[in-house]
Amino acid sequence: MGFSVLQKVWFDGLQGKEGVIKKHTEIDEKNATNFNMESPITLCDGTQIVVNNCWGEKNFLNFISYANLLGYKIEVTATKLQSIKYNASNEKPQLHDEINIILNLESFGSNIL
Protein backbone atom coordinates (compact mmCIF):
# COMPACT_ATOMS: atom_id res chain seq x y z
CA MET A 1 0.00 0.00 0.00
CA GLY A 2 1.36 3.40 -0.95
CA PHE A 3 1.65 6.47 1.22
CA SER A 4 -1.30 8.37 -0.28
CA VAL A 5 -3.72 5.51 0.42
CA LEU A 6 -2.29 4.91 3.88
CA GLN A 7 -2.61 8.57 4.78
CA LYS A 8 -6.25 8.59 3.67
CA VAL A 9 -6.96 5.67 6.01
CA TRP A 10 -4.95 7.09 8.95
CA PHE A 11 -5.98 10.71 8.26
CA ASP A 12 -4.29 13.67 9.95
CA GLY A 13 -7.34 14.76 11.95
CA LEU A 14 -7.30 11.48 13.84
CA GLN A 15 -4.22 12.63 15.78
CA GLY A 16 -4.68 16.39 15.73
CA LYS A 17 -2.71 19.09 13.99
CA GLU A 18 0.48 17.07 13.36
CA GLY A 19 -1.10 13.99 11.76
CA VAL A 20 -0.72 10.25 12.41
CA ILE A 21 1.94 9.52 9.79
CA LYS A 22 4.28 11.61 7.65
CA LYS A 23 6.94 10.90 5.07
CA HIS A 24 10.31 10.69 6.81
CA THR A 25 11.74 13.25 4.37
CA GLU A 26 9.00 15.81 5.15
CA ILE A 27 9.78 16.17 8.86
CA ASP A 28 11.80 19.27 9.67
CA GLU A 29 14.10 19.62 12.66
CA LYS A 30 11.46 21.58 14.60
CA ASN A 31 8.95 18.70 14.43
CA ALA A 32 11.38 15.77 14.63
CA THR A 33 10.66 15.20 18.34
CA ASN A 34 6.96 14.69 17.52
CA PHE A 35 7.63 11.61 15.39
CA ASN A 36 9.47 8.31 15.84
CA MET A 37 12.34 9.34 13.58
CA GLU A 38 14.58 6.48 14.77
CA SER A 39 12.05 3.86 13.63
CA PRO A 40 10.88 4.67 10.09
CA ILE A 41 8.60 2.19 8.37
CA THR A 42 9.35 1.34 4.74
CA LEU A 43 6.25 0.86 2.60
CA CYS A 44 6.01 -1.49 -0.38
CA ASP A 45 6.70 1.42 -2.74
CA GLY A 46 9.93 2.28 -0.87
CA THR A 47 8.55 5.36 0.88
CA GLN A 48 9.74 5.71 4.45
CA ILE A 49 7.16 6.98 6.92
CA VAL A 50 7.27 7.91 10.60
CA VAL A 51 4.50 7.71 13.19
CA ASN A 52 3.50 10.54 15.50
CA ASN A 53 4.37 10.05 19.17
CA CYS A 54 2.37 12.96 20.63
CA TRP A 55 -1.02 11.77 21.72
CA GLY A 56 -3.49 13.25 24.18
CA GLU A 57 -6.20 11.32 25.95
CA LYS A 58 -9.01 12.40 23.62
CA ASN A 59 -7.26 11.79 20.30
CA PHE A 60 -5.75 8.56 21.61
CA LEU A 61 -9.22 7.23 22.49
CA ASN A 62 -10.43 8.33 19.05
CA PHE A 63 -7.54 6.39 17.47
CA ILE A 64 -8.44 3.22 19.38
CA SER A 65 -12.13 3.52 18.44
CA TYR A 66 -11.28 4.15 14.79
CA ALA A 67 -8.84 1.23 14.65
CA ASN A 68 -11.56 -1.02 16.11
CA LEU A 69 -13.92 0.12 13.33
CA LEU A 70 -11.28 -0.89 10.80
CA GLY A 71 -11.20 -4.39 12.27
CA TYR A 72 -8.16 -4.18 14.51
CA LYS A 73 -8.16 -5.84 17.90
CA ILE A 74 -6.22 -3.63 20.31
CA GLU A 75 -4.68 -4.82 23.53
CA VAL A 76 -3.54 -2.00 25.79
CA THR A 77 -0.84 -2.62 28.35
CA ALA A 78 -0.22 0.32 30.65
CA THR A 79 2.67 0.71 33.01
CA LYS A 80 2.77 3.48 35.58
CA LEU A 81 6.14 5.23 35.70
CA GLN A 82 7.44 8.08 37.78
CA SER A 83 9.58 10.81 36.35
CA ILE A 84 11.35 13.71 37.96
CA LYS A 85 10.37 17.14 36.70
CA TYR A 86 12.30 20.31 37.53
CA ASN A 87 10.56 23.64 37.51
CA ALA A 88 12.07 26.82 36.11
CA SER A 89 13.16 28.20 39.49
CA ASN A 90 15.29 25.10 40.22
CA GLU A 91 13.40 24.41 43.40
CA LYS A 92 12.93 20.93 44.80
CA PRO A 93 12.24 18.42 42.00
CA GLN A 94 8.78 16.91 41.89
CA LEU A 95 7.78 13.34 41.02
CA HIS A 96 5.12 13.02 38.34
CA ASP A 97 3.24 9.92 37.32
CA GLU A 98 3.38 9.02 33.66
CA ILE A 99 1.70 6.23 31.79
CA ASN A 100 3.65 4.29 29.21
CA ILE A 101 1.19 2.57 26.89
CA ILE A 102 2.04 -0.24 24.53
CA LEU A 103 -0.45 -1.13 21.81
CA ASN A 104 -0.57 -4.52 20.18
CA LEU A 105 -2.53 -4.32 16.95
CA GLU A 106 -3.90 -7.49 15.46
CA SER A 107 -5.69 -7.28 12.17
CA PHE A 108 -8.70 -9.43 11.38
CA GLY A 109 -8.96 -9.62 7.62
CA SER A 110 -7.91 -6.02 7.08
CA ASN A 111 -5.15 -4.88 4.76
CA ILE A 112 -4.79 -1.39 6.18
CA LEU A 113 -1.21 -1.70 7.51
C-alpha atoms as a PDB file:
ATOM      1  CA  MET A   1       0.000   0.000   0.000  1.00  0.00           C
ATOM      2  CA  GLY A   2       1.357   3.396  -0.950  1.00  0.00           C
ATOM      3  CA  PHE A   3       1.649   6.474   1.217  1.00  0.00           C
ATOM      4  CA  SER A   4      -1.303   8.371  -0.283  1.00  0.00           C
ATOM      5  CA  VAL A   5      -3.717   5.509   0.421  1.00  0.00           C
ATOM      6  CA  LEU A   6      -2.293   4.906   3.884  1.00  0.00           C
ATOM      7  CA  GLN A   7      -2.606   8.575   4.775  1.00  0.00           C
ATOM      8  CA  LYS A   8      -6.250   8.591   3.674  1.00  0.00           C
ATOM      9  CA  VAL A   9      -6.960   5.674   6.013  1.00  0.00           C
ATOM     10  CA  TRP A  10      -4.947   7.093   8.953  1.00  0.00           C
ATOM     11  CA  PHE A  11      -5.977  10.705   8.261  1.00  0.00           C
ATOM     12  CA  ASP A  12      -4.287  13.675   9.952  1.00  0.00           C
ATOM     13  CA  GLY A  13      -7.342  14.764  11.951  1.00  0.00           C
ATOM     14  CA  LEU A  14      -7.296  11.484  13.845  1.00  0.00           C
ATOM     15  CA  GLN A  15      -4.221  12.632  15.778  1.00  0.00           C
ATOM     16  CA  GLY A  16      -4.678  16.385  15.732  1.00  0.00           C
ATOM     17  CA  LYS A  17      -2.709  19.092  13.992  1.00  0.00           C
ATOM     18  CA  GLU A  18       0.478  17.065  13.363  1.00  0.00           C
ATOM     19  CA  GLY A  19      -1.101  13.987  11.756  1.00  0.00           C
ATOM     20  CA  VAL A  20      -0.721  10.247  12.407  1.00  0.00           C
ATOM     21  CA  ILE A  21       1.942   9.523   9.791  1.00  0.00           C
ATOM     22  CA  LYS A  22       4.277  11.608   7.646  1.00  0.00           C
ATOM     23  CA  LYS A  23       6.938  10.903   5.072  1.00  0.00           C
ATOM     24  CA  HIS A  24      10.310  10.692   6.805  1.00  0.00           C
ATOM     25  CA  THR A  25      11.739  13.253   4.366  1.00  0.00           C
ATOM     26  CA  GLU A  26       8.995  15.805   5.151  1.00  0.00           C
ATOM     27  CA  ILE A  27       9.779  16.174   8.858  1.00  0.00           C
ATOM     28  CA  ASP A  28      11.800  19.266   9.670  1.00  0.00           C
ATOM     29  CA  GLU A  29      14.099  19.619  12.660  1.00  0.00           C
ATOM     30  CA  LYS A  30      11.458  21.578  14.600  1.00  0.00           C
ATOM     31  CA  ASN A  31       8.946  18.699  14.432  1.00  0.00           C
ATOM     32  CA  ALA A  32      11.381  15.765  14.633  1.00  0.00           C
ATOM     33  CA  THR A  33      10.661  15.197  18.336  1.00  0.00           C
ATOM     34  CA  ASN A  34       6.956  14.694  17.525  1.00  0.00           C
ATOM     35  CA  PHE A  35       7.631  11.614  15.390  1.00  0.00           C
ATOM     36  CA  ASN A  36       9.470   8.313  15.836  1.00  0.00           C
ATOM     37  CA  MET A  37      12.339   9.335  13.581  1.00  0.00           C
ATOM     38  CA  GLU A  38      14.577   6.478  14.768  1.00  0.00           C
ATOM     39  CA  SER A  39      12.049   3.861  13.630  1.00  0.00           C
ATOM     40  CA  PRO A  40      10.884   4.667  10.094  1.00  0.00           C
ATOM     41  CA  ILE A  41       8.600   2.192   8.366  1.00  0.00           C
ATOM     42  CA  THR A  42       9.354   1.341   4.740  1.00  0.00           C
ATOM     43  CA  LEU A  43       6.249   0.856   2.603  1.00  0.00           C
ATOM     44  CA  CYS A  44       6.012  -1.489  -0.377  1.00  0.00           C
ATOM     45  CA  ASP A  45       6.705   1.423  -2.740  1.00  0.00           C
ATOM     46  CA  GLY A  46       9.926   2.275  -0.867  1.00  0.00           C
ATOM     47  CA  THR A  47       8.547   5.362   0.877  1.00  0.00           C
ATOM     48  CA  GLN A  48       9.738   5.707   4.453  1.00  0.00           C
ATOM     49  CA  ILE A  49       7.156   6.981   6.925  1.00  0.00           C
ATOM     50  CA  VAL A  50       7.270   7.908  10.596  1.00  0.00           C
ATOM     51  CA  VAL A  51       4.499   7.711  13.191  1.00  0.00           C
ATOM     52  CA  ASN A  52       3.495  10.535  15.504  1.00  0.00           C
ATOM     53  CA  ASN A  53       4.374  10.054  19.170  1.00  0.00           C
ATOM     54  CA  CYS A  54       2.370  12.961  20.633  1.00  0.00           C
ATOM     55  CA  TRP A  55      -1.024  11.767  21.724  1.00  0.00           C
ATOM     56  CA  GLY A  56      -3.487  13.248  24.184  1.00  0.00           C
ATOM     57  CA  GLU A  57      -6.199  11.318  25.954  1.00  0.00           C
ATOM     58  CA  LYS A  58      -9.008  12.403  23.617  1.00  0.00           C
ATOM     59  CA  ASN A  59      -7.261  11.792  20.300  1.00  0.00           C
ATOM     60  CA  PHE A  60      -5.753   8.559  21.605  1.00  0.00           C
ATOM     61  CA  LEU A  61      -9.215   7.226  22.492  1.00  0.00           C
ATOM     62  CA  ASN A  62     -10.427   8.331  19.045  1.00  0.00           C
ATOM     63  CA  PHE A  63      -7.535   6.395  17.473  1.00  0.00           C
ATOM     64  CA  ILE A  64      -8.441   3.216  19.382  1.00  0.00           C
ATOM     65  CA  SER A  65     -12.129   3.524  18.438  1.00  0.00           C
ATOM     66  CA  TYR A  66     -11.283   4.153  14.790  1.00  0.00           C
ATOM     67  CA  ALA A  67      -8.841   1.227  14.652  1.00  0.00           C
ATOM     68  CA  ASN A  68     -11.561  -1.021  16.107  1.00  0.00           C
ATOM     69  CA  LEU A  69     -13.924   0.123  13.328  1.00  0.00           C
ATOM     70  CA  LEU A  70     -11.276  -0.885  10.796  1.00  0.00           C
ATOM     71  CA  GLY A  71     -11.203  -4.392  12.266  1.00  0.00           C
ATOM     72  CA  TYR A  72      -8.156  -4.183  14.513  1.00  0.00           C
ATOM     73  CA  LYS A  73      -8.157  -5.839  17.899  1.00  0.00           C
ATOM     74  CA  ILE A  74      -6.221  -3.633  20.307  1.00  0.00           C
ATOM     75  CA  GLU A  75      -4.680  -4.821  23.529  1.00  0.00           C
ATOM     76  CA  VAL A  76      -3.536  -1.996  25.786  1.00  0.00           C
ATOM     77  CA  THR A  77      -0.844  -2.623  28.347  1.00  0.00           C
ATOM     78  CA  ALA A  78      -0.221   0.323  30.654  1.00  0.00           C
ATOM     79  CA  THR A  79       2.673   0.711  33.013  1.00  0.00           C
ATOM     80  CA  LYS A  80       2.773   3.476  35.580  1.00  0.00           C
ATOM     81  CA  LEU A  81       6.136   5.227  35.703  1.00  0.00           C
ATOM     82  CA  GLN A  82       7.436   8.082  37.785  1.00  0.00           C
ATOM     83  CA  SER A  83       9.577  10.809  36.346  1.00  0.00           C
ATOM     84  CA  ILE A  84      11.346  13.710  37.955  1.00  0.00           C
ATOM     85  CA  LYS A  85      10.373  17.144  36.703  1.00  0.00           C
ATOM     86  CA  TYR A  86      12.296  20.306  37.529  1.00  0.00           C
ATOM     87  CA  ASN A  87      10.557  23.645  37.511  1.00  0.00           C
ATOM     88  CA  ALA A  88      12.065  26.823  36.110  1.00  0.00           C
ATOM     89  CA  SER A  89      13.159  28.198  39.491  1.00  0.00           C
ATOM     90  CA  ASN A  90      15.294  25.099  40.215  1.00  0.00           C
ATOM     91  CA  GLU A  91      13.396  24.408  43.401  1.00  0.00           C
ATOM     92  CA  LYS A  92      12.930  20.932  44.802  1.00  0.00           C
ATOM     93  CA  PRO A  93      12.241  18.423  41.996  1.00  0.00           C
ATOM     94  CA  GLN A  94       8.776  16.909  41.888  1.00  0.00           C
ATOM     95  CA  LEU A  95       7.783  13.341  41.017  1.00  0.00           C
ATOM     96  CA  HIS A  96       5.116  13.023  38.341  1.00  0.00           C
ATOM     97  CA  ASP A  97       3.243   9.920  37.320  1.00  0.00           C
ATOM     98  CA  GLU A  98       3.380   9.024  33.657  1.00  0.00           C
ATOM     99  CA  ILE A  99       1.697   6.227  31.792  1.00  0.00           C
ATOM    100  CA  ASN A 100       3.652   4.287  29.209  1.00  0.00           C
ATOM    101  CA  ILE A 101       1.187   2.572  26.889  1.00  0.00           C
ATOM    102  CA  ILE A 102       2.036  -0.242  24.526  1.00  0.00           C
ATOM    103  CA  LEU A 103      -0.447  -1.131  21.814  1.00  0.00           C
ATOM    104  CA  ASN A 104      -0.575  -4.522  20.178  1.00  0.00           C
ATOM    105  CA  LEU A 105      -2.528  -4.324  16.948  1.00  0.00           C
ATOM    106  CA  GLU A 106      -3.900  -7.492  15.463  1.00  0.00           C
ATOM    107  CA  SER A 107      -5.689  -7.278  12.169  1.00  0.00           C
ATOM    108  CA  PHE A 108      -8.703  -9.433  11.377  1.00  0.00           C
ATOM    109  CA  GLY A 109      -8.959  -9.620   7.618  1.00  0.00           C
ATOM    110  CA  SER A 110      -7.909  -6.022   7.078  1.00  0.00           C
ATOM    111  CA  ASN A 111      -5.146  -4.881   4.760  1.00  0.00           C
ATOM    112  CA  ILE A 112      -4.795  -1.395   6.177  1.00  0.00           C
ATOM    113  CA  LEU A 113      -1.214  -1.700   7.511  1.00  0.00           C
END
